[in-house]
N, C-alpha and C. Protein backbone atom coordinates (compact mmCIF):
# COMPACT_ATOMS: atom_id res chain seq x y z
N MET A 1 -10.84 19.18 -15.25
CA MET A 1 -11.86 20.19 -15.33
C MET A 1 -13.15 19.72 -14.64
N GLU A 2 -13.43 18.42 -14.69
CA GLU A 2 -14.63 17.87 -14.06
C GLU A 2 -14.45 17.70 -12.56
N GLY A 3 -13.19 17.68 -12.09
CA GLY A 3 -12.94 17.53 -10.67
C GLY A 3 -12.84 16.09 -10.21
N GLY A 4 -12.69 15.14 -11.13
CA GLY A 4 -12.56 13.74 -10.76
C GLY A 4 -11.18 13.42 -10.21
N ASN A 5 -11.11 12.35 -9.44
CA ASN A 5 -9.85 11.88 -8.89
C ASN A 5 -9.03 11.27 -10.03
N PRO A 6 -7.86 11.81 -10.32
CA PRO A 6 -7.06 11.30 -11.44
C PRO A 6 -6.72 9.81 -11.31
N LEU A 7 -6.54 9.33 -10.09
CA LEU A 7 -6.23 7.91 -9.91
C LEU A 7 -7.42 7.02 -10.27
N VAL A 8 -8.61 7.48 -9.94
CA VAL A 8 -9.82 6.73 -10.31
C VAL A 8 -10.00 6.77 -11.83
N VAL A 9 -9.82 7.92 -12.41
CA VAL A 9 -9.97 8.06 -13.86
C VAL A 9 -8.98 7.15 -14.58
N MET A 10 -7.73 7.18 -14.17
CA MET A 10 -6.71 6.34 -14.82
C MET A 10 -6.98 4.86 -14.59
N GLY A 11 -7.37 4.49 -13.37
CA GLY A 11 -7.69 3.09 -13.08
C GLY A 11 -8.83 2.59 -13.94
N ALA A 12 -9.87 3.39 -14.06
CA ALA A 12 -11.02 3.00 -14.89
C ALA A 12 -10.63 2.95 -16.37
N ALA A 13 -9.78 3.87 -16.79
CA ALA A 13 -9.35 3.87 -18.19
C ALA A 13 -8.53 2.63 -18.51
N TYR A 14 -7.62 2.28 -17.63
CA TYR A 14 -6.78 1.09 -17.86
C TYR A 14 -7.60 -0.20 -17.87
N LEU A 15 -8.62 -0.26 -17.03
CA LEU A 15 -9.36 -1.51 -16.84
C LEU A 15 -10.72 -1.54 -17.53
N HIS A 16 -11.07 -0.52 -18.29
CA HIS A 16 -12.44 -0.43 -18.80
C HIS A 16 -12.87 -1.58 -19.70
N ASP A 17 -11.97 -2.21 -20.42
CA ASP A 17 -12.33 -3.35 -21.29
C ASP A 17 -11.90 -4.68 -20.71
N ILE A 18 -11.63 -4.74 -19.42
CA ILE A 18 -11.08 -5.94 -18.80
C ILE A 18 -12.02 -7.14 -18.91
N GLY A 19 -13.30 -6.93 -19.10
CA GLY A 19 -14.27 -8.02 -19.16
C GLY A 19 -14.51 -8.59 -20.54
N ILE A 20 -13.78 -8.14 -21.54
CA ILE A 20 -14.07 -8.53 -22.92
C ILE A 20 -13.94 -10.04 -23.15
N HIS A 21 -12.89 -10.65 -22.64
CA HIS A 21 -12.70 -12.08 -22.88
C HIS A 21 -13.73 -12.93 -22.14
N GLU A 22 -14.06 -12.52 -20.93
CA GLU A 22 -15.08 -13.24 -20.17
C GLU A 22 -16.46 -13.05 -20.82
N ALA A 23 -16.74 -11.88 -21.35
CA ALA A 23 -17.99 -11.64 -22.05
C ALA A 23 -18.10 -12.55 -23.28
N GLU A 24 -17.02 -12.63 -24.03
CA GLU A 24 -17.02 -13.50 -25.21
C GLU A 24 -17.19 -14.96 -24.80
N ARG A 25 -16.51 -15.37 -23.73
CA ARG A 25 -16.58 -16.77 -23.28
C ARG A 25 -17.99 -17.11 -22.78
N LYS A 26 -18.56 -16.25 -21.94
CA LYS A 26 -19.85 -16.54 -21.33
C LYS A 26 -21.04 -16.26 -22.23
N HIS A 27 -20.95 -15.20 -23.03
CA HIS A 27 -22.12 -14.72 -23.76
C HIS A 27 -21.96 -14.79 -25.28
N GLY A 28 -20.76 -15.19 -25.73
CA GLY A 28 -20.52 -15.26 -27.17
C GLY A 28 -20.51 -13.90 -27.84
N SER A 29 -20.28 -12.85 -27.06
CA SER A 29 -20.30 -11.50 -27.59
C SER A 29 -19.38 -10.61 -26.77
N SER A 30 -18.78 -9.65 -27.46
CA SER A 30 -17.94 -8.68 -26.75
C SER A 30 -18.66 -7.33 -26.62
N SER A 31 -19.98 -7.33 -26.75
CA SER A 31 -20.72 -6.07 -26.68
C SER A 31 -20.49 -5.39 -25.32
N GLY A 32 -20.59 -4.09 -25.34
CA GLY A 32 -20.37 -3.30 -24.13
C GLY A 32 -21.22 -3.75 -22.96
N HIS A 33 -22.46 -4.12 -23.24
CA HIS A 33 -23.37 -4.56 -22.17
C HIS A 33 -22.77 -5.74 -21.42
N TYR A 34 -22.26 -6.71 -22.15
CA TYR A 34 -21.69 -7.90 -21.50
C TYR A 34 -20.37 -7.58 -20.81
N GLN A 35 -19.60 -6.68 -21.37
CA GLN A 35 -18.37 -6.26 -20.70
C GLN A 35 -18.69 -5.56 -19.38
N GLU A 36 -19.76 -4.79 -19.36
CA GLU A 36 -20.19 -4.11 -18.14
C GLU A 36 -20.62 -5.12 -17.07
N LEU A 37 -21.18 -6.24 -17.49
CA LEU A 37 -21.58 -7.28 -16.55
C LEU A 37 -20.37 -8.03 -15.99
N GLU A 38 -19.42 -8.33 -16.84
CA GLU A 38 -18.30 -9.19 -16.45
C GLU A 38 -17.07 -8.45 -15.94
N GLY A 39 -16.89 -7.22 -16.37
CA GLY A 39 -15.67 -6.48 -16.06
C GLY A 39 -15.44 -6.13 -14.60
N PRO A 40 -16.46 -5.66 -13.87
CA PRO A 40 -16.22 -5.23 -12.50
C PRO A 40 -15.61 -6.30 -11.59
N ALA A 41 -16.05 -7.53 -11.68
CA ALA A 41 -15.51 -8.58 -10.81
C ALA A 41 -14.03 -8.83 -11.11
N ILE A 42 -13.68 -8.79 -12.37
CA ILE A 42 -12.28 -9.00 -12.76
C ILE A 42 -11.43 -7.83 -12.29
N ALA A 43 -11.93 -6.63 -12.50
CA ALA A 43 -11.22 -5.43 -12.06
C ALA A 43 -11.04 -5.43 -10.55
N LYS A 44 -12.08 -5.81 -9.83
CA LYS A 44 -12.01 -5.84 -8.36
C LYS A 44 -10.90 -6.76 -7.89
N GLU A 45 -10.81 -7.92 -8.50
CA GLU A 45 -9.76 -8.88 -8.14
C GLU A 45 -8.37 -8.28 -8.36
N ILE A 46 -8.18 -7.63 -9.48
CA ILE A 46 -6.89 -6.99 -9.78
C ILE A 46 -6.60 -5.88 -8.77
N LEU A 47 -7.58 -5.04 -8.51
CA LEU A 47 -7.39 -3.92 -7.60
C LEU A 47 -7.14 -4.38 -6.17
N GLU A 48 -7.77 -5.48 -5.77
CA GLU A 48 -7.51 -6.03 -4.44
C GLU A 48 -6.07 -6.52 -4.32
N LYS A 49 -5.57 -7.16 -5.36
CA LYS A 49 -4.18 -7.62 -5.36
C LYS A 49 -3.21 -6.45 -5.27
N LEU A 50 -3.62 -5.29 -5.76
CA LEU A 50 -2.80 -4.09 -5.72
C LEU A 50 -3.02 -3.27 -4.45
N ASN A 51 -3.87 -3.78 -3.55
CA ASN A 51 -4.18 -3.11 -2.28
C ASN A 51 -4.74 -1.70 -2.47
N VAL A 52 -5.57 -1.54 -3.46
CA VAL A 52 -6.23 -0.25 -3.70
C VAL A 52 -7.29 -0.05 -2.61
N GLN A 53 -7.40 1.17 -2.11
CA GLN A 53 -8.39 1.50 -1.09
C GLN A 53 -9.79 1.13 -1.55
N LYS A 54 -10.62 0.66 -0.59
CA LYS A 54 -11.96 0.19 -0.92
C LYS A 54 -12.78 1.24 -1.67
N GLU A 55 -12.76 2.49 -1.20
CA GLU A 55 -13.57 3.53 -1.84
C GLU A 55 -13.16 3.73 -3.30
N MET A 56 -11.86 3.74 -3.54
CA MET A 56 -11.36 3.93 -4.89
C MET A 56 -11.69 2.70 -5.75
N LYS A 57 -11.51 1.53 -5.18
CA LYS A 57 -11.82 0.28 -5.88
C LYS A 57 -13.30 0.25 -6.27
N ASP A 58 -14.17 0.62 -5.33
CA ASP A 58 -15.61 0.62 -5.61
C ASP A 58 -15.97 1.61 -6.71
N GLU A 59 -15.33 2.77 -6.68
CA GLU A 59 -15.62 3.78 -7.70
C GLU A 59 -15.15 3.32 -9.08
N ILE A 60 -13.97 2.76 -9.15
CA ILE A 60 -13.44 2.26 -10.43
C ILE A 60 -14.34 1.16 -10.97
N CYS A 61 -14.71 0.21 -10.13
CA CYS A 61 -15.57 -0.88 -10.57
C CYS A 61 -16.95 -0.39 -10.97
N GLY A 62 -17.43 0.64 -10.29
CA GLY A 62 -18.72 1.24 -10.66
C GLY A 62 -18.68 1.87 -12.04
N ILE A 63 -17.57 2.52 -12.34
CA ILE A 63 -17.41 3.12 -13.68
C ILE A 63 -17.34 2.03 -14.74
N ILE A 64 -16.58 0.99 -14.48
CA ILE A 64 -16.44 -0.10 -15.44
C ILE A 64 -17.79 -0.76 -15.71
N GLY A 65 -18.63 -0.86 -14.69
CA GLY A 65 -19.93 -1.51 -14.84
C GLY A 65 -21.04 -0.59 -15.31
N SER A 66 -20.69 0.61 -15.72
CA SER A 66 -21.71 1.58 -16.11
C SER A 66 -21.56 1.99 -17.57
N SER A 67 -22.67 2.15 -18.25
CA SER A 67 -22.62 2.58 -19.65
C SER A 67 -22.61 4.09 -19.77
N SER A 68 -22.80 4.79 -18.67
CA SER A 68 -22.82 6.25 -18.77
C SER A 68 -21.56 6.88 -18.26
């Protein structure tokens, strides 16, 4: 209904909490703020290994790094 790319939505949904362990390790907290800081780099690495197109990868990582 919003007109979003289903592949981007699904990619972001699957990877949205990917930074939780790194946030806990680096910051001693799994708060959303720290996951937003740590998650995009981890997601990018995964998406690059999957040969995801740059534009889609950037959009997914942008969503993961955003609180809105």
